[in-house]
N, C-alpha and C. Protein backbone atom coordinates (compact mmCIF):
# COMPACT_ATOMS: atom_id res chain seq x y z
N MET A 1 17.18 238.20 47.93
CA MET A 1 16.81 237.51 49.11
C MET A 1 17.44 236.11 49.11
N ASN A 2 18.03 235.76 50.24
CA ASN A 2 18.67 234.43 50.34
C ASN A 2 18.09 233.78 51.62
N SER A 3 17.05 232.88 51.36
CA SER A 3 16.35 232.27 52.50
C SER A 3 15.94 230.85 52.05
N VAL A 4 16.15 229.87 52.91
CA VAL A 4 15.72 228.54 52.72
C VAL A 4 14.98 227.94 53.92
N ASN A 5 14.11 227.06 53.65
CA ASN A 5 13.35 226.37 54.70
C ASN A 5 13.38 224.88 54.32
N LEU A 6 13.90 224.02 55.20
CA LEU A 6 14.08 222.68 55.00
C LEU A 6 13.56 221.84 56.09
N ILE A 7 13.13 220.58 55.73
CA ILE A 7 12.82 219.59 56.71
C ILE A 7 13.43 218.31 56.27
N GLY A 8 14.20 217.69 57.18
CA GLY A 8 14.87 216.49 56.78
C GLY A 8 15.32 215.68 57.95
N ARG A 9 16.03 214.57 57.78
CA ARG A 9 16.60 213.76 58.82
C ARG A 9 18.03 213.88 58.90
N LEU A 10 18.62 213.91 60.02
CA LEU A 10 20.01 213.96 60.23
C LEU A 10 20.67 212.68 59.71
N THR A 11 21.78 212.83 58.99
CA THR A 11 22.54 211.67 58.45
C THR A 11 23.52 211.08 59.43
N ARG A 12 23.84 211.86 60.42
CA ARG A 12 24.74 211.46 61.52
C ARG A 12 24.56 212.36 62.66
N ASP A 13 25.21 212.01 63.81
CA ASP A 13 25.12 212.85 64.99
C ASP A 13 25.76 214.17 64.71
N PRO A 14 25.32 215.27 65.31
CA PRO A 14 25.97 216.58 65.15
C PRO A 14 27.39 216.62 65.66
N GLU A 15 28.19 217.44 65.07
CA GLU A 15 29.57 217.64 65.49
C GLU A 15 29.63 219.02 66.11
N MET A 16 30.32 219.16 67.27
CA MET A 16 30.48 220.40 67.93
C MET A 16 31.91 220.88 68.03
N ARG A 17 32.21 222.16 67.84
CA ARG A 17 33.50 222.67 68.05
C ARG A 17 33.37 224.06 68.58
N LYS A 18 34.40 224.67 69.08
CA LYS A 18 34.36 226.01 69.64
C LYS A 18 35.39 226.89 68.94
N THR A 19 35.09 228.15 68.76
CA THR A 19 36.02 229.10 68.24
C THR A 19 37.03 229.38 69.30
N ASP A 20 38.14 230.13 68.91
CA ASP A 20 39.14 230.55 69.90
C ASP A 20 38.47 231.43 71.06
N GLU A 21 37.43 232.16 70.63
CA GLU A 21 36.70 233.05 71.60
C GLU A 21 35.68 232.29 72.43
N GLY A 22 35.47 230.97 72.16
CA GLY A 22 34.55 230.16 72.97
C GLY A 22 33.15 230.05 72.34
N ARG A 23 32.97 230.60 71.15
CA ARG A 23 31.61 230.52 70.50
C ARG A 23 31.44 229.10 69.88
N SER A 24 30.24 228.58 70.17
CA SER A 24 29.91 227.20 69.71
C SER A 24 29.57 227.20 68.25
N ILE A 25 30.01 226.15 67.59
CA ILE A 25 29.64 225.90 66.11
C ILE A 25 29.26 224.41 66.04
N CYS A 26 28.06 224.23 65.65
CA CYS A 26 27.51 222.85 65.50
C CYS A 26 27.27 222.56 63.99
N THR A 27 27.77 221.45 63.47
CA THR A 27 27.42 221.12 62.04
C THR A 27 26.85 219.72 62.04
N PHE A 28 25.88 219.56 61.08
CA PHE A 28 25.27 218.27 60.77
C PHE A 28 24.81 218.30 59.36
N SER A 29 24.42 217.17 58.86
CA SER A 29 23.85 217.08 57.49
C SER A 29 22.41 216.57 57.59
N LEU A 30 21.55 217.14 56.70
CA LEU A 30 20.22 216.71 56.50
C LEU A 30 20.00 215.99 55.18
N ALA A 31 19.24 214.86 55.27
CA ALA A 31 18.80 214.25 54.02
C ALA A 31 17.37 214.74 53.81
N ILE A 32 17.18 215.40 52.65
CA ILE A 32 15.91 215.96 52.38
C ILE A 32 15.25 215.25 51.18
N ASP A 33 14.09 214.63 51.42
CA ASP A 33 13.45 213.87 50.31
C ASP A 33 13.00 214.74 49.20
N ASP A 34 13.20 214.30 47.99
CA ASP A 34 12.77 215.09 46.82
C ASP A 34 11.44 214.52 46.47
N ILE A 35 10.35 215.23 46.85
CA ILE A 35 9.02 214.74 46.60
C ILE A 35 8.57 214.72 45.14
N HIS A 36 9.36 215.44 44.27
CA HIS A 36 8.98 215.48 42.92
C HIS A 36 9.72 214.37 42.10
N SER A 37 10.55 213.60 42.80
CA SER A 37 11.31 212.56 42.07
C SER A 37 10.49 211.26 42.04
N LYS A 38 10.58 210.54 40.93
CA LYS A 38 9.81 209.30 40.85
C LYS A 38 10.53 208.13 41.58
N ASP A 39 11.81 208.34 41.79
CA ASP A 39 12.56 207.29 42.64
C ASP A 39 12.72 207.90 44.07
N ASP A 40 13.44 207.15 44.92
CA ASP A 40 13.63 207.66 46.28
C ASP A 40 14.86 208.51 46.35
N ARG A 41 14.89 209.59 45.65
CA ARG A 41 15.96 210.55 45.63
C ARG A 41 15.95 211.47 46.80
N ALA A 42 17.09 211.79 47.33
CA ALA A 42 17.17 212.71 48.46
C ALA A 42 18.36 213.64 48.16
N ASP A 43 18.29 214.89 48.69
CA ASP A 43 19.38 215.85 48.63
C ASP A 43 19.99 215.94 50.04
N PHE A 44 21.37 216.04 50.02
CA PHE A 44 22.02 216.09 51.31
C PHE A 44 22.68 217.42 51.47
N LEU A 45 22.33 218.17 52.50
CA LEU A 45 22.85 219.46 52.76
C LEU A 45 23.52 219.57 54.05
N ARG A 46 24.64 220.21 54.14
CA ARG A 46 25.34 220.51 55.42
C ARG A 46 24.77 221.76 56.08
N ILE A 47 24.53 221.66 57.33
CA ILE A 47 23.97 222.69 58.15
C ILE A 47 25.00 223.18 59.18
N THR A 48 25.07 224.47 59.36
CA THR A 48 25.95 225.05 60.40
C THR A 48 25.11 225.94 61.28
N VAL A 49 25.24 225.77 62.54
CA VAL A 49 24.52 226.57 63.61
C VAL A 49 25.52 227.21 64.55
N PHE A 50 25.29 228.40 64.90
CA PHE A 50 26.27 229.16 65.79
C PHE A 50 25.57 229.44 67.12
N GLY A 51 26.44 229.69 68.18
CA GLY A 51 26.00 230.18 69.47
C GLY A 51 25.24 229.19 70.35
N ASN A 52 24.38 229.71 71.11
CA ASN A 52 23.53 228.89 72.07
C ASN A 52 22.71 227.88 71.31
N PRO A 53 22.09 228.21 70.11
CA PRO A 53 21.37 227.24 69.37
C PRO A 53 22.25 226.02 68.97
N ALA A 54 23.48 226.22 68.75
CA ALA A 54 24.42 225.16 68.40
C ALA A 54 24.57 224.20 69.51
N ASP A 55 24.65 224.76 70.83
CA ASP A 55 24.70 223.89 72.02
C ASP A 55 23.38 223.07 72.15
N LEU A 56 22.21 223.59 71.82
CA LEU A 56 20.97 222.92 71.96
C LEU A 56 20.92 221.80 70.88
N CYS A 57 21.36 222.08 69.68
CA CYS A 57 21.32 221.06 68.59
C CYS A 57 22.28 219.89 68.95
N GLU A 58 23.49 220.20 69.48
CA GLU A 58 24.44 219.16 69.84
C GLU A 58 23.84 218.26 70.99
N ARG A 59 23.08 218.94 71.86
CA ARG A 59 22.52 218.25 73.06
C ARG A 59 21.32 217.33 72.65
N TYR A 60 20.46 217.80 71.81
CA TYR A 60 19.16 217.11 71.54
C TYR A 60 19.11 216.38 70.28
N LEU A 61 19.77 216.78 69.21
CA LEU A 61 19.65 216.11 67.92
C LEU A 61 20.52 214.84 67.81
N ARG A 62 20.07 213.88 67.06
CA ARG A 62 20.81 212.59 66.90
C ARG A 62 20.59 212.17 65.43
N LYS A 63 21.40 211.32 64.99
CA LYS A 63 21.25 210.66 63.66
C LYS A 63 19.84 210.10 63.53
N GLY A 64 19.19 210.40 62.37
CA GLY A 64 17.86 209.93 62.09
C GLY A 64 16.72 210.80 62.59
N PHE A 65 16.99 211.72 63.46
CA PHE A 65 15.97 212.62 63.94
C PHE A 65 15.47 213.54 62.87
N LEU A 66 14.23 213.89 62.90
CA LEU A 66 13.61 214.89 61.97
C LEU A 66 13.78 216.28 62.57
N ALA A 67 14.23 217.18 61.69
CA ALA A 67 14.48 218.55 62.09
C ALA A 67 14.08 219.50 60.92
N GLY A 68 13.62 220.67 61.36
CA GLY A 68 13.34 221.77 60.37
C GLY A 68 14.35 222.83 60.54
N VAL A 69 14.87 223.35 59.38
CA VAL A 69 15.88 224.40 59.45
C VAL A 69 15.43 225.58 58.59
N THR A 70 15.57 226.78 59.12
CA THR A 70 15.40 227.97 58.38
C THR A 70 16.75 228.74 58.40
N GLY A 71 17.24 229.22 57.19
CA GLY A 71 18.49 229.85 57.18
C GLY A 71 18.79 230.40 55.84
N ARG A 72 20.08 230.51 55.50
CA ARG A 72 20.53 231.09 54.25
C ARG A 72 21.60 230.24 53.64
N LEU A 73 21.65 230.23 52.25
CA LEU A 73 22.64 229.43 51.58
C LEU A 73 23.97 230.19 51.59
N ARG A 74 25.02 229.42 51.65
CA ARG A 74 26.38 229.96 51.60
C ARG A 74 27.26 229.10 50.76
N SER A 75 27.97 229.61 49.79
CA SER A 75 28.86 228.81 48.95
C SER A 75 30.28 229.08 49.40
N ASP A 76 31.04 228.04 49.41
CA ASP A 76 32.47 228.15 49.78
C ASP A 76 33.32 227.41 48.74
N SER A 77 34.59 227.78 48.59
CA SER A 77 35.46 227.07 47.81
C SER A 77 36.66 226.76 48.56
N TYR A 78 37.37 225.69 48.20
CA TYR A 78 38.61 225.25 48.88
C TYR A 78 39.43 224.46 47.94
N THR A 79 40.64 224.30 48.27
CA THR A 79 41.64 223.48 47.45
C THR A 79 41.80 222.18 48.17
N ASP A 80 41.58 221.08 47.47
CA ASP A 80 41.77 219.81 48.06
C ASP A 80 43.19 219.29 48.14
N SER A 81 43.44 218.16 48.64
CA SER A 81 44.84 217.68 48.85
C SER A 81 45.60 217.47 47.50
N GLU A 82 44.79 217.37 46.41
CA GLU A 82 45.46 217.21 45.09
C GLU A 82 45.62 218.48 44.29
N GLY A 83 45.26 219.62 44.98
CA GLY A 83 45.40 220.97 44.38
C GLY A 83 44.29 221.40 43.50
N ILE A 84 43.17 220.60 43.53
CA ILE A 84 41.97 220.99 42.75
C ILE A 84 41.03 221.86 43.52
N THR A 85 40.59 222.96 42.94
CA THR A 85 39.65 223.85 43.59
C THR A 85 38.28 223.20 43.56
N ARG A 86 37.69 223.06 44.68
CA ARG A 86 36.33 222.52 44.84
C ARG A 86 35.39 223.58 45.41
N SER A 87 34.13 223.39 45.14
CA SER A 87 33.17 224.30 45.77
C SER A 87 32.06 223.48 46.48
N SER A 88 31.43 224.09 47.46
CA SER A 88 30.34 223.44 48.14
C SER A 88 29.35 224.45 48.55
N VAL A 89 28.13 223.96 48.84
CA VAL A 89 27.06 224.86 49.28
C VAL A 89 26.64 224.29 50.64
N LYS A 90 26.41 225.18 51.62
CA LYS A 90 25.86 224.78 52.90
C LYS A 90 24.81 225.78 53.34
N VAL A 91 24.12 225.44 54.44
CA VAL A 91 23.10 226.29 54.93
C VAL A 91 23.59 226.76 56.38
N VAL A 92 23.59 228.07 56.55
CA VAL A 92 23.80 228.68 57.82
C VAL A 92 22.43 228.87 58.47
N ALA A 93 22.19 228.18 59.54
CA ALA A 93 20.88 228.16 60.15
C ALA A 93 20.62 229.35 61.03
N ASP A 94 19.44 230.00 60.86
CA ASP A 94 18.97 230.99 61.77
C ASP A 94 18.05 230.40 62.80
N ASN A 95 17.37 229.31 62.44
CA ASN A 95 16.39 228.65 63.34
C ASN A 95 16.46 227.17 63.07
N VAL A 96 16.48 226.38 64.10
CA VAL A 96 16.33 224.93 63.97
C VAL A 96 15.19 224.44 64.89
N ARG A 97 14.27 223.75 64.28
CA ARG A 97 13.11 223.15 65.07
C ARG A 97 13.41 221.68 65.22
N PHE A 98 13.18 221.23 66.48
CA PHE A 98 13.33 219.77 66.77
C PHE A 98 11.96 219.12 66.55
N LEU A 99 11.81 218.37 65.49
CA LEU A 99 10.57 217.79 65.15
C LEU A 99 10.46 216.38 65.69
N GLN A 100 11.51 215.90 66.28
CA GLN A 100 11.52 214.53 66.88
C GLN A 100 12.37 214.54 68.09
N TRP A 101 11.93 213.85 69.15
CA TRP A 101 12.66 213.86 70.36
C TRP A 101 13.02 212.41 70.72
N PRO A 102 14.02 212.26 71.62
CA PRO A 102 14.34 210.90 72.05
C PRO A 102 13.17 210.26 72.72
N GLU A 103 13.10 208.91 72.57
CA GLU A 103 11.99 208.17 73.23
C GLU A 103 12.28 208.09 74.73
N ARG A 104 11.16 208.23 75.45
CA ARG A 104 11.22 208.13 76.95
C ARG A 104 10.12 207.13 77.34
N ASN A 105 10.46 206.23 78.10
CA ASN A 105 9.47 205.24 78.71
C ASN A 105 8.64 204.58 77.55
N GLY A 106 9.36 204.26 76.49
CA GLY A 106 8.66 203.54 75.37
C GLY A 106 7.84 204.34 74.42
N GLY A 107 7.78 205.74 74.73
CA GLY A 107 6.98 206.56 73.82
C GLY A 107 7.74 207.69 73.23
N SER A 108 7.30 208.25 72.16
CA SER A 108 8.05 209.39 71.58
C SER A 108 7.39 210.66 72.06
N GLU A 109 8.21 211.61 72.50
CA GLU A 109 7.78 212.83 72.86
C GLU A 109 7.79 213.82 71.68
N GLY A 110 6.76 214.51 71.48
CA GLY A 110 6.67 215.49 70.37
C GLY A 110 6.99 216.81 70.92
N GLY A 111 7.19 217.84 70.05
CA GLY A 111 7.46 219.14 70.54
C GLY A 111 7.81 220.02 69.41
N GLU A 112 7.85 221.27 69.69
CA GLU A 112 8.25 222.27 68.72
C GLU A 112 9.30 223.18 69.36
N GLU A 113 10.18 222.57 70.09
CA GLU A 113 11.29 223.34 70.63
C GLU A 113 12.11 223.88 69.48
N ALA A 114 12.53 225.14 69.69
CA ALA A 114 13.29 225.77 68.60
C ALA A 114 14.60 226.31 69.13
N ALA A 115 15.60 226.24 68.26
CA ALA A 115 16.92 226.78 68.60
C ALA A 115 17.13 227.92 67.62
N ASP A 116 16.93 229.20 68.18
CA ASP A 116 17.06 230.37 67.34
C ASP A 116 18.38 231.03 67.50
N SER A 117 18.96 231.54 66.46
CA SER A 117 20.21 232.21 66.51
C SER A 117 20.00 233.64 66.97
């Protein structure tokens, strides 16, 4: 079984791109606090969302916003500009929950809007 559930804050605004077929792909990174660490340690994971949920993430999420992600781990390898093979782990999201919304009229709107794949 390959399943992860994460809650964290976006480290930057989401980035959107489209495939040649027009399918949306949104990527962002989450900072996830390590509650078992004695110092203020956080893990940073790259999240990838596809399709209509990607459009919603790009539209509503911003740097610093709190989001919940359910998905699966995926490892990739690539060769960098110096010819060294590197590996990375990312999360392919099946569901993204918006746990924080933009402020309106001086107040914060809550909600459990979800972007499901």
